[in-house]
C-alpha cells in the first residue's frame, strides 16, 4: 500500500470526532448540532480527484456529459440510476464541492470496503429498516449547503442496464429541505459490473447530468401524492438518457421491473 494512503489513514485515526473538514462542518460544530461522522478532509479528497479521473478515463473511457448543469453551491440532492459499486466515484468526480453518499449499511461491514466508504463520506442506510438517523443527517447537510448522492432504486438495476422503479425518498427529502435535485443517468455501467459478477470489467461509460429538477407541489396537494407524482417525473428524466443508443450500437432497455425495498 502506498505511503500516501498510510498518511491518509493516520490522519483519519488522529482526526477528533466532529472536527471540521469543510465550512459546512465548521458551521455545524459552532451551532452545537450533532457532529458529522469523521472522514477524509476535503483537501485529501481533492488530491484523490485527478487519480480517480485518470483511472476512469483509462479503464472505462468515461465521458461526463453536460457538466455545466452541476451547480457550484447551494443544497443539492443528486439522484441517479444505480448500475455498479463504482457509481459514486463516477458521479462525483466533476462535482467539485463537499459531497456525501447514502450507501447500503451492510457494505460497511465488508473488509476494506467499509473503511473506504467512511473515508470518502458515505453514511450507512438500512434498506429494510426504520432508522431515521441517516435521513436526518442528510437533510441537515443539504440545508447547510452540501450535496448528497442518492440512488432512488434502492439497489443496483437490472443486468441489461434497465432501471427499477424509483422510491420516493429523494423527492421527499428535496421537498422537506427545499432544495433542487440533480438527475444523473449512468449509461453503460451495466457492462462494467453487472449484478452477479464479482469483479468489474472494461467497457465504455457515459455519465449524463440533466438540468436541475425542481419539485412542484400543487395547491392543496397531499405530500405523499406530490412525492409519488414527482418521483415518476424524476424517473422519466433519468430513464430518457438510457433510451439513447450506446457506443456499441445497441439501444438500452427502458423497462422498469418492480423495485426492491430501499429508500
Protein backbone atom coordinates (compact mmCIF):
# COMPACT_ATOMS: atom_id res chain seq x y z
CA UNK A 1 0.00 0.00 0.00
CA UNK A 2 1.40 3.41 -0.94
CA UNK A 3 2.78 5.87 1.57
CA UNK A 4 0.12 8.48 0.81
CA UNK A 5 -2.63 6.05 1.75
CA UNK A 6 -0.92 5.33 5.08
CA UNK A 7 -0.79 9.07 5.70
CA UNK A 8 -4.50 9.40 5.00
CA UNK A 9 -5.30 6.54 7.34
CA UNK A 10 -3.15 8.11 10.03
CA UNK A 11 -4.93 11.41 9.59
CA UNK A 12 -8.26 9.62 9.82
CA UNK A 13 -7.31 7.95 13.11
CA UNK A 14 -5.98 11.18 14.62
CA UNK A 15 -8.88 13.39 13.49
CA UNK A 16 -11.12 14.06 16.51
CA UNK A 17 -14.74 13.10 16.07
CA UNK A 18 -16.65 16.01 14.61
CA UNK A 19 -13.56 18.06 13.63
CA UNK A 20 -14.47 20.22 10.65
CA UNK A 21 -13.12 19.40 7.22
CA UNK A 22 -15.34 21.86 5.35
CA UNK A 23 -17.02 25.17 6.07
CA UNK A 24 -20.30 23.28 6.41
CA UNK A 25 -18.89 21.08 9.16
CA UNK A 26 -17.38 24.11 10.91
CA UNK A 27 -20.79 25.76 10.99
CA UNK A 28 -22.31 22.52 12.23
CA UNK A 29 -19.88 22.38 15.16
CA UNK A 30 -20.33 26.01 16.12
CA UNK A 31 -24.11 25.72 16.18
CA UNK A 32 -23.98 22.85 18.67
CA UNK A 33 -25.59 20.33 16.30
CA UNK A 34 -24.64 16.66 16.27
CA UNK A 35 -21.23 16.38 14.54
CA UNK A 36 -20.96 14.56 11.24
CA UNK A 37 -19.08 11.23 11.19
CA UNK A 38 -15.38 11.77 10.57
CA UNK A 39 -13.95 11.21 7.11
CA UNK A 40 -11.10 12.41 4.92
CA UNK A 41 -10.77 16.20 4.81
CA UNK A 42 -11.81 17.95 1.62
CA UNK A 43 -8.20 18.72 0.64
CA UNK A 44 -7.38 14.99 0.68
CA UNK A 45 -10.41 14.23 -1.49
CA UNK A 46 -9.29 16.92 -3.93
CA UNK A 47 -5.85 15.27 -4.06
CA UNK A 48 -7.51 11.95 -4.96
CA UNK A 49 -9.71 13.51 -7.65
CA UNK A 50 -7.15 13.55 -10.52
CA UNK A 51 -6.20 9.96 -9.77
CA UNK A 52 -9.84 8.86 -9.91
CA UNK A 53 -10.36 10.77 -13.16
CA UNK A 54 -7.31 9.22 -14.79
CA UNK A 55 -8.35 5.69 -13.80
CA UNK A 56 -11.88 6.29 -15.10
CA UNK A 57 -10.62 7.50 -18.47
CA UNK A 58 -8.06 4.73 -18.89
CA UNK A 59 -10.21 1.81 -17.71
CA UNK A 60 -13.67 2.81 -18.96
CA UNK A 61 -13.10 5.64 -21.46
CA UNK A 62 -15.62 7.53 -19.38
CA UNK A 63 -17.33 10.69 -20.63
CA UNK A 64 -19.06 13.24 -18.40
CA UNK A 65 -21.82 14.94 -20.38
CA UNK A 66 -23.47 18.30 -19.57
CA UNK A 67 -21.22 19.07 -16.60
CA UNK A 68 -22.42 22.67 -16.83
CA UNK A 69 -25.67 21.53 -15.18
CA UNK A 70 -23.83 20.89 -11.89
CA UNK A 71 -24.40 23.84 -9.51
CA UNK A 72 -21.29 25.15 -7.76
CA UNK A 73 -23.01 25.80 -4.43
CA UNK A 74 -26.27 25.51 -2.52
CA UNK A 75 -28.03 22.50 -1.04
CA UNK A 76 -28.43 19.71 -3.59
CA UNK A 77 -29.65 16.13 -3.91
CA UNK A 78 -28.01 14.12 -6.68
CA UNK A 79 -30.30 11.29 -7.79
CA UNK A 80 -29.02 8.66 -10.23
CA UNK A 81 -29.74 5.20 -11.52
CA UNK A 82 -27.53 2.57 -9.92
CA UNK A 83 -25.55 0.13 -12.07
CA UNK A 84 -22.28 -0.64 -10.24
CA UNK A 85 -20.49 -0.22 -6.93
CA UNK A 86 -18.25 2.33 -8.68
CA UNK A 87 -21.14 4.69 -9.44
CA UNK A 88 -20.43 7.18 -6.60
CA UNK A 89 -16.88 7.79 -7.89
CA UNK A 90 -18.09 8.24 -11.47
CA UNK A 91 -20.84 10.63 -10.46
CA UNK A 92 -18.92 12.81 -8.03
CA UNK A 93 -15.65 13.23 -9.97
CA UNK A 94 -16.74 16.53 -11.66
CA UNK A 95 -18.72 17.70 -8.59
CA UNK A 96 -16.04 19.90 -7.02
CA UNK A 97 -17.74 20.56 -3.70
CA UNK A 98 -18.42 18.61 -0.48
CA UNK A 99 -20.46 15.51 -1.36
CA UNK A 100 -21.81 12.78 0.89
CA UNK A 101 -23.47 9.47 -0.02
CA UNK A 102 -26.18 7.23 1.33
CA UNK A 103 -24.97 3.64 0.98
CA UNK A 104 -26.19 0.17 1.88
CA UNK A 105 -25.40 -0.37 5.56
CA UNK A 106 -24.27 -3.99 5.02
CA UNK A 107 -21.39 -2.79 2.81
CA UNK A 108 -19.85 -1.00 5.81
CA UNK A 109 -19.11 -4.43 7.34
CA UNK A 110 -17.04 -5.59 4.37
CA UNK A 111 -13.23 -5.65 4.88
CA UNK A 112 -11.53 -2.56 3.48
CA UNK A 113 -14.71 -1.51 1.61
CA UNK A 114 -16.34 -0.36 4.83
CA UNK A 115 -13.32 1.77 5.72
CA UNK A 116 -13.18 3.27 2.24
CA UNK A 117 -16.88 4.15 2.37
CA UNK A 118 -16.37 6.04 5.62
CA UNK A 119 -13.20 7.74 4.40
CA UNK A 120 -14.96 9.08 1.31
CA UNK A 121 -18.04 10.35 3.12
CA UNK A 122 -20.68 7.63 2.87
CA UNK A 123 -23.36 7.23 5.54
CA UNK A 124 -24.97 3.81 6.17
CA UNK A 125 -28.64 3.44 5.26
CA UNK A 126 -30.79 0.47 6.26
CA UNK A 127 -32.62 -0.64 3.12
CA UNK A 128 -35.24 -2.52 5.10
CA UNK A 129 -35.03 -0.72 8.43
CA UNK A 130 -36.56 2.31 10.05
CA UNK A 131 -33.50 4.14 11.41
CA UNK A 132 -34.15 7.85 10.66
CA UNK A 133 -30.61 8.91 11.57
CA UNK A 134 -29.05 8.91 8.07
CA UNK A 135 -32.04 10.75 6.61
CA UNK A 136 -31.95 13.43 9.31
CA UNK A 137 -28.21 13.81 8.86
CA UNK A 138 -28.65 14.16 5.08
CA UNK A 139 -31.39 16.76 5.49
CA UNK A 140 -29.18 18.73 7.86
CA UNK A 141 -26.28 18.50 5.40
CA UNK A 142 -28.20 19.79 2.37
CA UNK A 143 -29.88 22.54 4.40
CA UNK A 144 -26.39 23.78 5.23
CA UNK A 145 -25.44 23.86 1.56
CA UNK A 146 -23.98 20.40 0.99
CA UNK A 147 -24.74 17.79 -1.67
CA UNK A 148 -25.96 14.22 -1.08
CA UNK A 149 -25.94 11.37 -3.62
CA UNK A 150 -28.96 9.04 -3.51
CA UNK A 151 -29.87 6.03 -5.65
CA UNK A 152 -33.69 6.00 -5.68
CA UNK A 153 -33.86 2.42 -6.99
CA UNK A 154 -32.82 1.20 -3.54
CA UNK A 155 -30.24 -1.12 -5.07
CA UNK A 156 -28.48 -1.88 -8.34
CA UNK A 157 -30.57 -2.01 -11.51
CA UNK A 158 -31.01 -4.89 -13.93
CA UNK A 159 -28.12 -6.63 -15.70
CA UNK A 160 -29.31 -5.26 -19.07
CA UNK A 161 -29.00 -1.65 -17.90
CA UNK A 162 -32.69 -1.03 -17.30
CA UNK A 163 -33.75 0.72 -14.10
CA UNK A 164 -36.01 -0.38 -11.30
CA UNK A 165 -38.94 1.70 -10.16
CA UNK A 166 -37.77 4.66 -8.10
CA UNK A 167 -38.54 5.02 -4.42
CA UNK A 168 -39.88 8.40 -3.30
CA UNK A 169 -37.12 9.12 -0.75
CA UNK A 170 -35.09 11.55 -2.87
CA UNK A 171 -38.13 13.64 -3.76
CA UNK A 172 -39.42 13.68 -0.19
CA UNK A 173 -36.03 14.85 1.06
CA UNK A 174 -35.87 17.59 -1.58
CA UNK A 175 -39.39 18.67 -0.69
CA UNK A 176 -38.66 18.81 3.03
CA UNK A 177 -35.30 20.56 2.69
CA UNK A 178 -36.42 22.91 -0.07
CA UNK A 179 -33.52 22.05 -2.40
CA UNK A 180 -33.35 21.01 -6.07
CA UNK A 181 -32.48 17.59 -7.44
CA UNK A 182 -29.74 16.99 -9.99
CA UNK A 183 -30.87 13.96 -12.06
CA UNK A 184 -27.99 11.84 -13.35
CA UNK A 185 -28.03 8.96 -15.83
CA UNK A 186 -25.29 6.33 -15.82
CA UNK A 187 -25.10 4.73 -19.24
CA UNK A 188 -23.01 1.64 -19.97
CA UNK A 189 -22.14 0.78 -16.38
CA UNK A 190 -24.16 -2.42 -16.57
CA UNK A 191 -21.44 -3.84 -18.82
CA UNK A 192 -18.70 -2.92 -16.35
CA UNK A 193 -20.06 -4.57 -13.23
CA UNK A 194 -23.45 -6.22 -13.73
CA UNK A 195 -25.30 -7.83 -10.85
CA UNK A 196 -23.95 -11.31 -10.15
CA UNK A 197 -20.36 -10.55 -11.21
CA UNK A 198 -17.63 -10.49 -8.57
CA UNK A 199 -15.21 -8.11 -10.30
CA UNK A 200 -15.60 -5.16 -12.71
CA UNK A 201 -14.78 -5.38 -16.41
CA UNK A 202 -13.64 -2.91 -19.07
CA UNK A 203 -16.37 -1.15 -21.06
CA UNK A 204 -17.14 2.45 -22.09
CA UNK A 205 -19.30 4.52 -19.73
CA UNK A 206 -21.14 7.84 -20.00
CA UNK A 207 -22.46 9.97 -17.14
CA UNK A 208 -25.21 12.41 -18.15
CA UNK A 209 -26.09 15.38 -15.92
CA UNK A 210 -29.60 16.69 -16.57
CA UNK A 211 -30.89 20.21 -15.81
CA UNK A 212 -31.89 20.81 -12.19
CA UNK A 213 -35.22 19.26 -11.26
CA UNK A 214 -37.41 21.46 -9.05
CA UNK A 215 -40.18 19.83 -7.05
CA UNK A 216 -43.57 21.33 -7.87
CA UNK A 217 -46.18 20.79 -5.18
CA UNK A 218 -49.65 21.78 -6.34
CA UNK A 219 -52.10 23.77 -4.25
CA UNK A 220 -53.80 21.63 -1.59
CA UNK A 221 -51.84 18.58 -2.78
CA UNK A 222 -51.01 15.88 -0.24
CA UNK A 223 -47.27 15.44 0.35
CA UNK A 224 -47.43 11.72 -0.44
CA UNK A 225 -49.27 12.33 -3.70
CA UNK A 226 -46.78 15.04 -4.66
CA UNK A 227 -43.85 12.72 -3.87
CA UNK A 228 -45.39 9.91 -5.92
CA UNK A 229 -46.02 12.13 -8.95
CA UNK A 230 -42.68 13.93 -8.85
CA UNK A 231 -40.80 10.65 -8.34
CA UNK A 232 -42.36 9.40 -11.57
CA UNK A 233 -41.19 12.58 -13.33
CA UNK A 234 -37.68 12.13 -11.91
CA UNK A 235 -37.53 8.52 -13.05
CA UNK A 236 -38.63 9.50 -16.57
CA UNK A 237 -35.87 12.12 -16.77
CA UNK A 238 -33.16 9.66 -15.71
CA UNK A 239 -34.64 6.97 -17.95
CA UNK A 240 -34.75 9.24 -21.00
CA UNK A 241 -30.96 9.12 -21.45
CA UNK A 242 -30.94 5.32 -21.21
CA UNK A 243 -33.08 5.16 -24.33
CA UNK A 244 -30.33 6.66 -26.50
CA UNK A 245 -28.03 4.35 -28.48
CA UNK A 246 -24.93 3.35 -26.54
CA UNK A 247 -21.44 3.23 -28.00
CA UNK A 248 -21.76 -0.37 -29.10
CA UNK A 249 -24.73 0.45 -31.32
CA UNK A 250 -27.46 -1.09 -29.22
CA UNK A 251 -30.48 0.53 -27.64
CA UNK A 252 -30.57 0.29 -23.86
CA UNK A 253 -33.75 -1.19 -22.45
CA UNK A 254 -36.15 1.18 -20.71
CA UNK A 255 -38.43 -1.31 -18.98
CA UNK A 256 -38.96 -0.85 -15.26
CA UNK A 257 -39.28 -4.01 -13.13
CA UNK A 258 -40.79 -3.71 -9.65
CA UNK A 259 -38.43 -2.06 -7.17
CA UNK A 260 -36.65 -3.74 -4.30
CA UNK A 261 -37.06 -2.49 -0.78
CA UNK A 262 -35.00 0.60 -0.07
CA UNK A 263 -35.05 4.30 0.44
